[in-house]
């Protein structure tokens, strides 16, 4: 195959797909911008971490995080791969007294990351009020420091992605009701 054909038939379409995927990725900065709502927030020292799945493909979960932020709950929406840095921040904030309570919601790989983040917080002696895993790819078992754990899996014709919208009311209830 000539280099012209390789470029026109493989490289350019592949590059176009990659660019469209990047451009189609939602902007989660609106939720991150309220990550530290301060003393005025109704959360009263509680912080919600929302961990998205592979390629942030967790339809509706970032929006749920934004709704929680609008309710006054300081919220950080992040990719699952960021859990370790978020855990370090949470540990520092907890130990300095700026954070009293931690809640973590994660979908798919974000669910696995939620369990890992809770375990890291436990190793530092930091309690976690709530961990909600949404169809995690690994186990959903949590460590001693987690007060309440909920594992949500697809049912009644739901799939790995549609379950977020189908269970949004339940997820909101877990987060808001754990106060």
Foldseek 3Di string as FASTA:
>chain_A
DDPVCCCVPPVVVVVVVVVVLVVPDDDLVLLVVLQDVPPVFPQRQEEEEEEAEDSSQQPPRSVLSNVVVVNRHRYDYYYLVCLVVVLVVVLVCVVVPSHQEYEYEYAASGLVSLQVSQVSCVVSVHAYAEYEYEPYPDDNDHDPRYNYYHYHYDDDPDHSRNVCVVCVVVVVCVVVVSD
